[in-house]
Amino acid sequence: MAISKLKKWRIVRSDRSGFTLLEVLVALAILSISLVVLLGLRNQDVNLVDATRNLTVATALAKMKMVEAGLEGFPELGEADGEFGEGYSDFHWHRVISSTPFDYVREVRVSVTWGQNDRERVEVVNYVFQEKF
């Protein structure tokens, strides 16, 4: 008779389903850690998208200033700087036109800065040739 009670106990015990408190706590801990990591990655992604957007805009603005310098013909030596105006108030430009060892070639260097204290910077360099007639 004692054997039959034991078998019955095993059958009843193996038919029980569910999770222990320890299993639930471990699952919640893993879920919590995963959510914290995912939120951190999302914030990093937002920062990278903003930095990439600024870098793309600054490069396009620097190229625009470079084209303006080329449209002026053979540029005079000197420096100039300024802002891009409405819509791009965070971006500032600085252009340096310098001589080269050749009298008919000028170096045009345009840098665009942005960010806190103009920490971020893009620089484009081009050479302009004097047309000979």
Protein backbone atom coordinates (compact mmCIF):
# COMPACT_ATOMS: atom_id res chain seq x y z
CA MET A 1 0.00 0.00 0.00
CA ALA A 2 2.85 2.41 0.67
CA ILE A 3 4.19 1.80 -2.83
CA SER A 4 0.92 2.76 -4.51
CA LYS A 5 0.81 6.06 -2.59
CA LEU A 6 4.32 6.81 -3.75
CA LYS A 7 3.48 6.14 -7.37
CA LYS A 8 0.44 8.33 -7.06
CA TRP A 9 2.54 11.15 -5.63
CA ARG A 10 4.98 10.95 -8.56
CA ILE A 11 2.20 10.99 -11.08
CA VAL A 12 0.56 13.99 -9.47
CA ARG A 13 3.93 15.77 -9.13
CA SER A 14 4.91 15.25 -12.76
CA ASP A 15 1.53 16.48 -14.00
CA ARG A 16 1.90 19.83 -12.27
CA SER A 17 2.83 22.72 -14.57
CA GLY A 18 4.00 26.27 -13.90
CA PHE A 19 7.08 28.23 -12.96
CA THR A 20 8.81 28.62 -9.66
CA LEU A 21 9.35 32.04 -8.15
CA LEU A 22 13.08 31.79 -8.86
CA GLU A 23 12.47 31.12 -12.57
CA VAL A 24 10.14 34.10 -12.82
CA LEU A 25 12.67 36.38 -11.08
CA VAL A 26 15.49 35.25 -13.39
CA ALA A 27 13.30 35.86 -16.45
CA LEU A 28 12.39 39.35 -15.21
CA ALA A 29 16.04 40.17 -14.53
CA ILE A 30 17.04 39.12 -18.05
CA LEU A 31 14.16 41.12 -19.53
CA SER A 32 15.09 44.21 -17.48
CA ILE A 33 18.74 44.09 -18.53
CA SER A 34 17.75 43.62 -22.17
CA LEU A 35 15.41 46.62 -22.11
CA VAL A 36 18.06 48.87 -20.57
CA VAL A 37 20.57 47.84 -23.24
CA LEU A 38 18.06 48.35 -26.05
CA LEU A 39 17.10 51.82 -24.80
CA GLY A 40 20.78 52.77 -24.61
CA LEU A 41 21.29 51.62 -28.19
CA ARG A 42 18.28 53.61 -29.33
CA ASN A 43 19.65 56.79 -27.72
CA GLN A 44 23.03 56.19 -29.35
CA ASP A 45 21.30 55.69 -32.70
CA VAL A 46 19.48 59.02 -32.35
CA ASN A 47 22.79 60.79 -31.62
CA LEU A 48 24.48 59.15 -34.62
CA VAL A 49 21.65 60.15 -36.95
CA ASP A 50 21.91 63.76 -35.78
CA ALA A 51 25.71 63.79 -36.21
CA THR A 52 25.42 62.27 -39.68
CA ARG A 53 22.80 64.83 -40.70
CA ASN A 54 25.03 67.70 -39.54
CA LEU A 55 28.04 66.25 -41.34
CA THR A 56 26.07 65.88 -44.57
CA VAL A 57 24.67 69.41 -44.37
CA ALA A 58 28.11 70.88 -43.57
CA THR A 59 29.70 69.08 -46.51
CA ALA A 60 27.02 70.34 -48.89
CA LEU A 61 27.38 73.90 -47.58
CA ALA A 62 31.18 73.76 -47.95
CA LYS A 63 30.82 72.57 -51.53
CA MET A 64 28.36 75.40 -52.20
CA LYS A 65 30.89 77.97 -50.93
CA MET A 66 33.56 76.30 -53.05
CA VAL A 67 31.39 76.66 -56.16
CA GLU A 68 30.75 80.32 -55.31
CA ALA A 69 34.51 80.90 -55.15
CA GLY A 70 34.94 79.22 -58.53
CA LEU A 71 32.21 81.34 -60.12
CA GLU A 72 34.06 84.53 -59.17
CA GLY A 73 36.77 83.69 -61.67
CA PHE A 74 40.38 83.69 -60.58
CA PRO A 75 40.02 84.57 -56.87
CA GLU A 76 41.99 87.23 -55.05
CA LEU A 77 44.19 86.22 -52.11
CA GLY A 78 42.62 86.65 -48.70
CA GLU A 79 40.24 85.34 -46.09
CA ALA A 80 36.52 85.66 -45.57
CA ASP A 81 34.02 84.20 -43.16
CA GLY A 82 30.36 84.35 -42.33
CA GLU A 83 27.17 82.51 -41.59
CA PHE A 84 24.80 80.72 -43.93
CA GLY A 85 21.69 82.50 -42.74
CA GLU A 86 18.21 81.31 -41.97
CA GLY A 87 17.82 77.56 -41.76
CA TYR A 88 21.53 77.01 -41.17
CA SER A 89 22.19 79.37 -38.27
CA ASP A 90 24.31 76.76 -36.44
CA PHE A 91 26.78 76.55 -39.33
CA HIS A 92 29.62 79.05 -39.94
CA TRP A 93 32.04 79.17 -42.85
CA HIS A 94 35.61 80.36 -43.26
CA ARG A 95 37.34 80.64 -46.65
CA VAL A 96 41.07 81.08 -47.20
CA ILE A 97 42.46 81.73 -50.67
CA SER A 98 46.22 81.32 -50.77
CA SER A 99 48.91 81.27 -53.40
CA THR A 100 50.74 78.21 -54.62
CA PRO A 101 54.21 77.84 -56.14
CA PHE A 102 52.53 78.50 -59.50
CA ASP A 103 51.26 82.02 -60.21
CA TYR A 104 48.29 80.73 -62.22
CA VAL A 105 46.99 78.40 -59.46
CA ARG A 106 45.25 79.40 -56.22
CA GLU A 107 44.34 77.15 -53.31
CA VAL A 108 40.81 77.64 -52.03
CA ARG A 109 40.18 76.17 -48.59
CA VAL A 110 36.64 76.29 -47.17
CA SER A 111 35.86 75.08 -43.67
CA VAL A 112 32.41 74.80 -42.14
CA THR A 113 32.00 74.56 -38.37
CA TRP A 114 29.01 73.83 -36.14
CA GLY A 115 28.15 72.57 -32.68
CA GLN A 116 29.03 73.86 -29.26
CA ASN A 117 31.87 76.35 -29.62
CA ASP A 118 32.20 75.26 -33.26
CA ARG A 119 33.79 71.97 -32.22
CA GLU A 120 32.67 70.03 -35.29
CA ARG A 121 34.34 70.88 -38.58
CA VAL A 122 34.43 69.95 -42.27
CA GLU A 123 37.11 71.27 -44.61
CA VAL A 124 37.17 71.19 -48.40
CA VAL A 125 40.19 72.14 -50.49
CA ASN A 126 40.19 72.94 -54.20
CA TYR A 127 42.63 74.48 -56.68
CA VAL A 128 41.50 77.14 -59.14
CA PHE A 129 43.45 77.73 -62.34
CA GLN A 130 43.68 81.06 -64.16
CA GLU A 131 42.45 80.83 -67.69
CA LYS A 132 45.11 81.80 -70.24
CA PHE A 133 44.07 83.47 -73.46
